[in-house]
């Protein structure tokens, strides 16, 4: 795993390896143990999360429902997905 691949995982799944699928967590932990760049990726993501939490802004209650509905509408594996082509 490269630092760029780790950055992608952190961007998609967050900075906590305990929340990642075991298939990527093991390889990511190995990279983090030996790479300062990889550790910096996690540290920056954690700092960003704290800054956003400290900002005191919360998304409206319906926001998550809208995001999920949009994702399902665009998912080609979903038989009810919209064809946007």
Protein backbone atom coordinates (compact mmCIF):
# COMPACT_ATOMS: atom_id res chain seq x y z
CA UNK A 1 0.00 0.00 0.00
CA UNK A 2 1.24 3.46 -0.87
CA UNK A 3 0.65 6.69 1.05
CA UNK A 4 -1.66 7.78 -1.79
CA UNK A 5 -3.75 4.63 -1.34
CA UNK A 6 -3.86 5.28 2.41
CA UNK A 7 -5.02 8.84 1.76
CA UNK A 8 -7.85 7.47 -0.37
CA UNK A 9 -8.89 5.08 2.41
CA UNK A 10 -8.80 7.86 5.00
CA UNK A 11 -10.82 10.13 2.71
CA UNK A 12 -13.48 7.46 2.22
CA UNK A 13 -13.54 5.70 5.60
CA UNK A 14 -12.08 8.11 8.14
CA UNK A 15 -8.86 8.07 10.10
CA UNK A 16 -9.67 5.22 12.49
CA UNK A 17 -8.25 1.90 11.23
CA UNK A 18 -10.62 0.07 13.58
CA UNK A 19 -13.46 1.24 11.30
CA UNK A 20 -11.84 -0.11 8.14
CA UNK A 21 -12.37 -3.55 6.59
CA UNK A 22 -9.78 -6.01 7.87
CA UNK A 23 -8.50 -6.53 4.34
CA UNK A 24 -7.16 -2.97 4.15
CA UNK A 25 -6.60 -2.26 7.85
CA UNK A 26 -3.81 -4.81 8.21
CA UNK A 27 -1.84 -3.47 5.24
CA UNK A 28 -2.51 0.13 6.25
CA UNK A 29 -1.28 -0.45 9.79
CA UNK A 30 1.97 -1.88 8.43
CA UNK A 31 2.47 1.23 6.32
CA UNK A 32 1.61 3.54 9.22
CA UNK A 33 4.15 1.81 11.48
CA UNK A 34 7.01 2.37 9.04
CA UNK A 35 6.09 5.62 7.30
CA UNK A 36 6.08 9.11 8.78
CA UNK A 37 4.11 10.29 5.74
CA UNK A 38 1.39 7.72 6.45
CA UNK A 39 1.23 8.74 10.12
CA UNK A 40 0.93 12.38 9.02
CA UNK A 41 -2.06 11.45 6.84
CA UNK A 42 -3.86 10.04 9.88
CA UNK A 43 -2.83 12.94 12.11
CA UNK A 44 -4.07 15.53 9.61
CA UNK A 45 -7.39 13.75 9.20
CA UNK A 46 -7.86 13.59 12.97
CA UNK A 47 -7.05 17.31 13.32
CA UNK A 48 -9.49 18.17 10.55
CA UNK A 49 -12.24 16.13 12.23
CA UNK A 50 -11.62 17.95 15.53
CA UNK A 51 -11.66 21.35 13.81
CA UNK A 52 -14.96 20.55 12.14
CA UNK A 53 -16.43 19.33 15.41
CA UNK A 54 -15.23 22.47 17.20
CA UNK A 55 -16.84 24.66 14.54
CA UNK A 56 -20.17 23.80 16.10
CA UNK A 57 -22.06 23.35 12.87
CA UNK A 58 -24.28 20.35 12.36
CA UNK A 59 -25.89 19.15 9.19
CA UNK A 60 -29.68 19.20 9.13
CA UNK A 61 -31.28 15.99 10.40
CA UNK A 62 -32.47 15.03 6.92
CA UNK A 63 -29.05 15.48 5.30
CA UNK A 64 -27.85 11.89 5.77
CA UNK A 65 -31.11 10.57 4.31
CA UNK A 66 -30.64 12.75 1.24
CA UNK A 67 -27.05 11.61 0.74
CA UNK A 68 -28.02 7.94 1.00
CA UNK A 69 -30.98 8.40 -1.36
CA UNK A 70 -28.74 10.09 -3.92
CA UNK A 71 -26.10 7.37 -3.63
CA UNK A 72 -28.71 4.67 -4.15
CA UNK A 73 -30.17 6.55 -7.10
CA UNK A 74 -26.75 6.65 -8.77
CA UNK A 75 -25.61 3.12 -7.84
CA UNK A 76 -25.54 0.97 -10.99
CA UNK A 77 -26.06 -2.13 -8.84
CA UNK A 78 -29.40 -0.72 -7.64
CA UNK A 79 -32.19 -1.85 -9.99
CA UNK A 80 -34.05 1.41 -9.32
CA UNK A 81 -31.01 3.59 -10.10
CA UNK A 82 -31.40 6.50 -12.45
CA UNK A 83 -29.65 6.34 -15.80
CA UNK A 84 -27.88 9.70 -16.10
CA UNK A 85 -26.08 8.96 -19.36
